[in-house]
């Protein structure tokens, strides 16, 4: 469960970011399915990229064990900001492509 919970947080925040961009890009006239899928996939990808950019330093094993217990590890800044940002970016790209295909 401790490996699945961060992914769930990333998917949910990605969908929220994708929905926000979908509302802002009304001229793309995207349906709900592209916004949800783009947000979910972008959320997981964005959080992974942000985590790899910000993480990677040496971590004390005792501090890591204390930090990863419970819900606190899933609700960290990498998962939330990376998920919302990645979902928004990928949904914006999908919206731009769909808008260009309609012309």
Protein backbone atom coordinates (compact mmCIF):
# COMPACT_ATOMS: atom_id res chain seq x y z
CA UNK A 1 0.00 0.00 0.00
CA UNK A 2 2.90 2.37 0.66
CA UNK A 3 4.00 2.17 -2.97
CA UNK A 4 0.48 2.53 -4.37
CA UNK A 5 -0.57 5.56 -2.33
CA UNK A 6 1.89 8.04 -3.92
CA UNK A 7 0.75 6.94 -7.38
CA UNK A 8 -2.89 7.50 -6.40
CA UNK A 9 -2.01 11.00 -5.15
CA UNK A 10 -0.13 11.72 -8.39
CA UNK A 11 -3.05 10.54 -10.54
CA UNK A 12 -5.62 12.57 -8.57
CA UNK A 13 -3.55 15.76 -8.59
CA UNK A 14 -2.78 15.21 -12.29
CA UNK A 15 -6.48 14.95 -13.08
CA UNK A 16 -7.10 18.16 -11.12
CA UNK A 17 -4.35 19.93 -13.07
CA UNK A 18 -5.67 18.55 -16.35
CA UNK A 19 -9.21 19.69 -15.58
CA UNK A 20 -7.95 23.18 -14.74
CA UNK A 21 -6.14 23.49 -18.05
CA UNK A 22 -9.11 21.99 -19.88
CA UNK A 23 -11.33 24.74 -18.50
CA UNK A 24 -8.78 27.39 -19.46
CA UNK A 25 -8.46 26.04 -23.02
CA UNK A 26 -12.13 26.15 -23.98
CA UNK A 27 -11.24 26.75 -27.63
CA UNK A 28 -9.71 23.26 -27.86
CA UNK A 29 -13.16 21.77 -27.06
CA UNK A 30 -11.70 18.70 -25.42
CA UNK A 31 -13.95 16.00 -24.03
CA UNK A 32 -13.65 14.66 -20.51
CA UNK A 33 -11.75 11.50 -21.50
CA UNK A 34 -8.69 13.28 -22.99
CA UNK A 35 -8.57 15.63 -19.99
CA UNK A 36 -8.76 12.77 -17.49
CA UNK A 37 -6.28 10.52 -19.29
CA UNK A 38 -3.86 13.34 -20.06
CA UNK A 39 -4.04 14.56 -16.48
CA UNK A 40 -3.53 11.11 -14.95
CA UNK A 41 -0.62 10.14 -17.20
CA UNK A 42 0.95 13.57 -16.96
CA UNK A 43 0.54 13.54 -13.18
CA UNK A 44 2.50 10.35 -12.72
CA UNK A 45 5.14 11.41 -15.25
CA UNK A 46 5.48 14.92 -13.87
CA UNK A 47 5.86 13.69 -10.30
CA UNK A 48 8.48 11.16 -11.41
CA UNK A 49 10.46 13.84 -13.25
CA UNK A 50 10.23 16.31 -10.38
CA UNK A 51 11.18 13.63 -7.88
CA UNK A 52 14.25 12.68 -9.86
CA UNK A 53 15.28 16.32 -10.23
CA UNK A 54 14.83 17.21 -6.57
CA UNK A 55 15.79 13.88 -5.03
CA UNK A 56 18.91 11.89 -5.39
CA UNK A 57 20.93 13.12 -2.44
CA UNK A 58 22.25 10.92 0.34
CA UNK A 59 19.54 10.19 2.89
CA UNK A 60 19.96 8.93 6.43
CA UNK A 61 18.23 5.50 6.57
CA UNK A 62 16.65 6.22 9.96
CA UNK A 63 15.23 9.53 8.73
CA UNK A 64 13.94 7.87 5.57
CA UNK A 65 12.18 5.16 7.55
CA UNK A 66 10.53 7.76 9.78
CA UNK A 67 9.48 9.90 6.82
CA UNK A 68 7.99 7.07 4.79
CA UNK A 69 5.68 5.76 7.48
CA UNK A 70 2.01 6.58 7.02
CA UNK A 71 0.27 9.03 4.74
CA UNK A 72 2.94 11.73 5.05
CA UNK A 73 5.18 10.15 2.44
CA UNK A 74 2.43 10.17 -0.18
CA UNK A 75 1.42 13.76 0.49
CA UNK A 76 4.81 15.32 -0.13
CA UNK A 77 5.49 18.28 -2.37
CA UNK A 78 6.97 16.19 -5.20
CA UNK A 79 3.79 14.15 -5.60
CA UNK A 80 1.36 17.05 -5.33
CA UNK A 81 3.13 19.76 -7.33
CA UNK A 82 4.67 17.35 -9.82
CA UNK A 83 1.33 15.62 -10.33
CA UNK A 84 -0.66 18.80 -10.85
CA UNK A 85 2.00 20.40 -13.03
CA UNK A 86 2.58 17.31 -15.15
CA UNK A 87 -1.14 16.78 -15.62
CA UNK A 88 -1.64 20.40 -16.62
CA UNK A 89 1.28 20.39 -19.06
CA UNK A 90 0.33 17.14 -20.80
CA UNK A 91 -3.33 18.13 -21.02
CA UNK A 92 -2.30 21.49 -22.49
CA UNK A 93 -0.21 19.73 -25.11
CA UNK A 94 -3.07 17.37 -25.96
CA UNK A 95 -5.45 20.34 -26.20
CA UNK A 96 -3.09 22.21 -28.52
CA UNK A 97 -2.69 19.18 -30.77
CA UNK A 98 -6.45 18.56 -30.86
CA UNK A 99 -7.07 22.23 -31.61
CA UNK A 100 -4.55 22.19 -34.45
CA UNK A 101 -6.09 19.04 -35.91
CA UNK A 102 -9.52 20.69 -36.12
CA UNK A 103 -8.24 23.54 -38.30
